[in-house]
Amino acid sequence: MYVWTKKAEREYRERHPHRKNERKAGTVVMWEGKELGTGTILEGYASRGWVAEHGKKVVIVKTGPSNRLGRPLTTAEQGRRWLKLMKYFAMPNMTVKDAAIAIGLKSANPINDLIAMHGKELAAKYGKLPKIKGVKKSYWLEVMEG
């Protein structure tokens, strides 16, 4: 059973001064008419310090990095991805999104991030990428042939 903390009560009162305070310290946390169970709502509340369990602070352990790039690639993985890009970009009419899908990614964002962060080093180590149409960013142009 999870209960509201003093911090939750105080912050709710500050944000909603004219409403009835639904977050009284020590009362059971309700969500959609039921007691709050485990899940993302609990994690969000706990990260703000709004809930406690039987008088104890709820500690949420993060399972992975929170940066927008996700899990960082190892140097070996970067090299393998670069060599795959060289192979796919050599094909006619290949776009960055098509290459990303061929590699097994859902979007071109991880490829753009790889080029922006490590493109110069990878181009120096493995060679420049074949030129493809539609690429205008300077960090892309620096690592492409021609």
C-alpha atoms as a PDB file:
ATOM      1  CA  MET A   1       0.000   0.000   0.000  1.00  0.00           C
ATOM      2  CA  TYR A   2       1.339   3.420  -0.984  1.00  0.00           C
ATOM      3  CA  VAL A   3       0.546   6.661   0.813  1.00  0.00           C
ATOM      4  CA  TRP A   4       1.037  10.336  -0.035  1.00  0.00           C
ATOM      5  CA  THR A   5       3.979  12.194   1.516  1.00  0.00           C
ATOM      6  CA  LYS A   6       4.083  15.685   3.032  1.00  0.00           C
ATOM      7  CA  LYS A   7       5.905  16.840  -0.089  1.00  0.00           C
ATOM      8  CA  ALA A   8       3.028  15.648  -2.321  1.00  0.00           C
ATOM      9  CA  GLU A   9       0.509  17.434  -0.122  1.00  0.00           C
ATOM     10  CA  ARG A  10       2.519  20.690  -0.116  1.00  0.00           C
ATOM     11  CA  GLU A  11       3.199  20.703  -3.863  1.00  0.00           C
ATOM     12  CA  TYR A  12      -0.436  19.935  -4.713  1.00  0.00           C
ATOM     13  CA  ARG A  13      -1.556  22.807  -2.479  1.00  0.00           C
ATOM     14  CA  GLU A  14       0.939  25.163  -4.171  1.00  0.00           C
ATOM     15  CA  ARG A  15      -0.152  24.165  -7.662  1.00  0.00           C
ATOM     16  CA  HIS A  16      -3.887  24.065  -6.990  1.00  0.00           C
ATOM     17  CA  PRO A  17      -4.618  26.561  -4.202  1.00  0.00           C
ATOM     18  CA  HIS A  18      -8.386  26.746  -4.860  1.00  0.00           C
ATOM     19  CA  ARG A  19      -9.057  23.012  -5.170  1.00  0.00           C
ATOM     20  CA  LYS A  20      -9.738  20.507  -2.434  1.00  0.00           C
ATOM     21  CA  ASN A  21      -6.383  18.866  -1.654  1.00  0.00           C
ATOM     22  CA  GLU A  22      -6.704  15.219  -2.659  1.00  0.00           C
ATOM     23  CA  ARG A  23      -3.150  14.423  -1.567  1.00  0.00           C
ATOM     24  CA  LYS A  24      -3.224  14.385   2.224  1.00  0.00           C
ATOM     25  CA  ALA A  25      -0.026  13.024   3.762  1.00  0.00           C
ATOM     26  CA  GLY A  26      -0.529   9.499   5.086  1.00  0.00           C
ATOM     27  CA  THR A  27      -3.667   8.732   3.037  1.00  0.00           C
ATOM     28  CA  VAL A  28      -3.743   5.921   0.512  1.00  0.00           C
ATOM     29  CA  VAL A  29      -2.804   6.840  -3.071  1.00  0.00           C
ATOM     30  CA  MET A  30      -5.760   6.179  -5.339  1.00  0.00           C
ATOM     31  CA  TRP A  31      -5.638   5.951  -9.125  1.00  0.00           C
ATOM     32  CA  GLU A  32      -8.872   5.666 -11.096  1.00  0.00           C
ATOM     33  CA  GLY A  33     -10.778   4.592  -7.986  1.00  0.00           C
ATOM     34  CA  LYS A  34      -8.310   1.843  -6.996  1.00  0.00           C
ATOM     35  CA  GLU A  35      -5.219   1.689  -4.815  1.00  0.00           C
ATOM     36  CA  LEU A  36      -2.075   2.537  -6.754  1.00  0.00           C
ATOM     37  CA  GLY A  37      -0.117  -0.554  -7.765  1.00  0.00           C
ATOM     38  CA  THR A  38       3.291  -0.888  -9.336  1.00  0.00           C
ATOM     39  CA  GLY A  39       3.999   0.651 -12.716  1.00  0.00           C
ATOM     40  CA  THR A  40       4.905   3.870 -14.425  1.00  0.00           C
ATOM     41  CA  ILE A  41       2.531   6.036 -12.390  1.00  0.00           C
ATOM     42  CA  LEU A  42       4.186   4.840  -9.185  1.00  0.00           C
ATOM     43  CA  GLU A  43       7.639   5.408 -10.679  1.00  0.00           C
ATOM     44  CA  GLY A  44       6.717   8.954 -11.657  1.00  0.00           C
ATOM     45  CA  TYR A  45       5.286   9.769  -8.255  1.00  0.00           C
ATOM     46  CA  ALA A  46       8.230   8.144  -6.455  1.00  0.00           C
ATOM     47  CA  SER A  47      10.779  10.029  -8.564  1.00  0.00           C
ATOM     48  CA  ARG A  48       9.177  13.265  -7.350  1.00  0.00           C
ATOM     49  CA  GLY A  49       9.120  12.065  -3.742  1.00  0.00           C
ATOM     50  CA  TRP A  50       5.327  12.060  -3.543  1.00  0.00           C
ATOM     51  CA  VAL A  51       4.680   8.497  -2.318  1.00  0.00           C
ATOM     52  CA  ALA A  52       5.888   6.243   0.487  1.00  0.00           C
ATOM     53  CA  GLU A  53       5.258   2.625   1.393  1.00  0.00           C
ATOM     54  CA  HIS A  54       4.354   1.913   5.035  1.00  0.00           C
ATOM     55  CA  GLY A  55       6.305   4.950   6.191  1.00  0.00           C
ATOM     56  CA  LYS A  56       9.336   4.133   4.048  1.00  0.00           C
ATOM     57  CA  LYS A  57      10.578   6.082   1.060  1.00  0.00           C
ATOM     58  CA  VAL A  58       9.942   4.308  -2.243  1.00  0.00           C
ATOM     59  CA  VAL A  59      13.173   3.848  -4.169  1.00  0.00           C
ATOM     60  CA  ILE A  60      12.961   3.381  -7.910  1.00  0.00           C
ATOM     61  CA  VAL A  61      15.949   1.693  -9.529  1.00  0.00           C
ATOM     62  CA  LYS A  62      16.482   2.818 -13.103  1.00  0.00           C
ATOM     63  CA  THR A  63      17.073  -0.071 -15.466  1.00  0.00           C
ATOM     64  CA  GLY A  64      18.844   1.857 -18.181  1.00  0.00           C
ATOM     65  CA  PRO A  65      20.251   5.211 -19.211  1.00  0.00           C
ATOM     66  CA  SER A  66      17.867   8.104 -19.449  1.00  0.00           C
ATOM     67  CA  ASN A  67      19.576   9.992 -22.236  1.00  0.00           C
ATOM     68  CA  ARG A  68      17.756  10.305 -25.541  1.00  0.00           C
ATOM     69  CA  LEU A  69      20.379   8.299 -27.424  1.00  0.00           C
ATOM     70  CA  GLY A  70      19.646   5.152 -25.433  1.00  0.00           C
ATOM     71  CA  ARG A  71      22.286   2.521 -24.843  1.00  0.00           C
ATOM     72  CA  PRO A  72      25.674   3.710 -26.089  1.00  0.00           C
ATOM     73  CA  LEU A  73      27.315   1.621 -28.799  1.00  0.00           C
ATOM     74  CA  THR A  74      30.659   0.020 -28.109  1.00  0.00           C
ATOM     75  CA  THR A  75      33.553   0.884 -30.404  1.00  0.00           C
ATOM     76  CA  ALA A  76      33.230  -2.512 -32.099  1.00  0.00           C
ATOM     77  CA  GLU A  77      29.483  -1.998 -32.655  1.00  0.00           C
ATOM     78  CA  GLN A  78      30.150   1.458 -34.105  1.00  0.00           C
ATOM     79  CA  GLY A  79      32.638  -0.061 -36.554  1.00  0.00           C
ATOM     80  CA  ARG A  80      30.236  -2.822 -37.601  1.00  0.00           C
ATOM     81  CA  ARG A  81      27.447  -0.290 -38.115  1.00  0.00           C
ATOM     82  CA  TRP A  82      29.763   1.958 -40.152  1.00  0.00           C
ATOM     83  CA  LEU A  83      30.750  -0.942 -42.445  1.00  0.00           C
ATOM     84  CA  LYS A  84      27.077  -1.815 -42.924  1.00  0.00           C
ATOM     85  CA  LEU A  85      26.349   1.808 -43.846  1.00  0.00           C
ATOM     86  CA  MET A  86      29.170   1.718 -46.402  1.00  0.00           C
ATOM     87  CA  LYS A  87      27.620  -1.407 -47.956  1.00  0.00           C
ATOM     88  CA  TYR A  88      24.061  -0.057 -48.029  1.00  0.00           C
ATOM     89  CA  PHE A  89      24.967   3.451 -49.219  1.00  0.00           C
ATOM     90  CA  ALA A  90      26.809   1.907 -52.180  1.00  0.00           C
ATOM     91  CA  MET A  91      23.466   0.555 -53.431  1.00  0.00           C
ATOM     92  CA  PRO A  92      21.541   2.733 -55.899  1.00  0.00           C
ATOM     93  CA  ASN A  93      18.707   4.955 -54.617  1.00  0.00           C
ATOM     94  CA  MET A  94      19.462   4.176 -50.964  1.00  0.00           C
ATOM     95  CA  THR A  95      18.284   6.695 -48.365  1.00  0.00           C
ATOM     96  CA  VAL A  96      19.347   7.036 -44.747  1.00  0.00           C
ATOM     97  CA  LYS A  97      15.965   5.722 -43.596  1.00  0.00           C
ATOM     98  CA  ASP A  98      16.178   2.730 -45.950  1.00  0.00           C
ATOM     99  CA  ALA A  99      19.652   1.908 -44.642  1.00  0.00           C
ATOM    100  CA  ALA A 100      18.445   2.225 -41.051  1.00  0.00           C
ATOM    101  CA  ILE A 101      15.583  -0.184 -41.706  1.00  0.00           C
ATOM    102  CA  ALA A 102      17.949  -2.608 -43.460  1.00  0.00           C
ATOM    103  CA  ILE A 103      20.220  -2.549 -40.397  1.00  0.00           C
ATOM    104  CA  GLY A 104      17.212  -3.300 -38.176  1.00  0.00           C
ATOM    105  CA  LEU A 105      16.463   0.127 -36.732  1.00  0.00           C
ATOM    106  CA  LYS A 106      13.017   1.720 -36.624  1.00  0.00           C
ATOM    107  CA  SER A 107      14.156   5.201 -37.671  1.00  0.00           C
ATOM    108  CA  ALA A 108      17.141   7.102 -39.031  1.00  0.00           C
ATOM    109  CA  ASN A 109      17.756   8.931 -35.736  1.00  0.00           C
ATOM    110  CA  PRO A 110      20.346   6.460 -34.366  1.00  0.00           C
ATOM    111  CA  ILE A 111      22.253   6.712 -37.662  1.00  0.00           C
ATOM    112  CA  ASN A 112      22.192  10.520 -37.521  1.00  0.00           C
ATOM    113  CA  ASP A 113      23.392  10.404 -33.914  1.00  0.00           C
ATOM    114  CA  LEU A 114      26.218   8.015 -34.824  1.00  0.00           C
ATOM    115  CA  ILE A 115      27.365  10.272 -37.671  1.00  0.00           C
ATOM    116  CA  ALA A 116      27.130  13.433 -35.559  1.00  0.00           C
ATOM    117  CA  MET A 117      29.004  11.988 -32.583  1.00  0.00           C
ATOM    118  CA  HIS A 118      31.541   9.591 -34.112  1.00  0.00           C
ATOM    119  CA  GLY A 119      31.476  10.154 -37.875  1.00  0.00           C
ATOM    120  CA  LYS A 120      34.874  11.822 -38.230  1.00  0.00           C
ATOM    121  CA  GLU A 121      36.679   9.137 -36.222  1.00  0.00           C
ATOM    122  CA  LEU A 122      34.916   6.304 -38.054  1.00  0.00           C
ATOM    123  CA  ALA A 123      35.601   7.869 -41.474  1.00  0.00           C
ATOM    124  CA  ALA A 124      39.290   8.168 -40.609  1.00  0.00           C
ATOM    125  CA  LYS A 125      39.436   4.556 -39.400  1.00  0.00           C
ATOM    126  CA  TYR A 126      37.249   2.747 -41.968  1.00  0.00           C
ATOM    127  CA  GLY A 127      36.969   5.172 -44.884  1.00  0.00           C
ATOM    128  CA  LYS A 128      34.351   7.667 -45.994  1.00  0.00           C
ATOM    129  CA  LEU A 129      30.778   6.701 -46.768  1.00  0.00           C
ATOM    130  CA  PRO A 130      29.568   6.673 -50.380  1.00  0.00           C
ATOM    131  CA  LYS A 131      27.699   9.835 -51.385  1.00  0.00           C
ATOM    132  CA  ILE A 132      23.901   9.646 -51.206  1.00  0.00           C
ATOM    133  CA  LYS A 133      21.247  12.129 -52.264  1.00  0.00           C
ATOM    134  CA  GLY A 134      19.248  14.292 -49.896  1.00  0.00           C
ATOM    135  CA  VAL A 135      21.906  14.703 -47.195  1.00  0.00           C
ATOM    136  CA  LYS A 136      22.610  18.355 -46.404  1.00  0.00           C
ATOM    137  CA  LYS A 137      23.916  18.444 -42.834  1.00  0.00           C
ATOM    138  CA  SER A 138      27.548  19.497 -42.563  1.00  0.00           C
ATOM    139  CA  TYR A 139      28.500  16.568 -40.304  1.00  0.00           C
ATOM    140  CA  TRP A 140      27.205  14.179 -42.982  1.00  0.00           C
ATOM    141  CA  LEU A 141      29.026  15.934 -45.819  1.00  0.00           C
ATOM    142  CA  GLU A 142      32.338  15.732 -43.910  1.00  0.00           C
ATOM    143  CA  VAL A 143      32.214  11.935 -43.786  1.00  0.00           C
ATOM    144  CA  MET A 144      31.031  11.277 -47.355  1.00  0.00           C
ATOM    145  CA  GLU A 145      33.040  10.855 -50.510  1.00  0.00           C
ATOM    146  CA  GLY A 146      33.069  13.613 -53.089  1.00  0.00           C
END
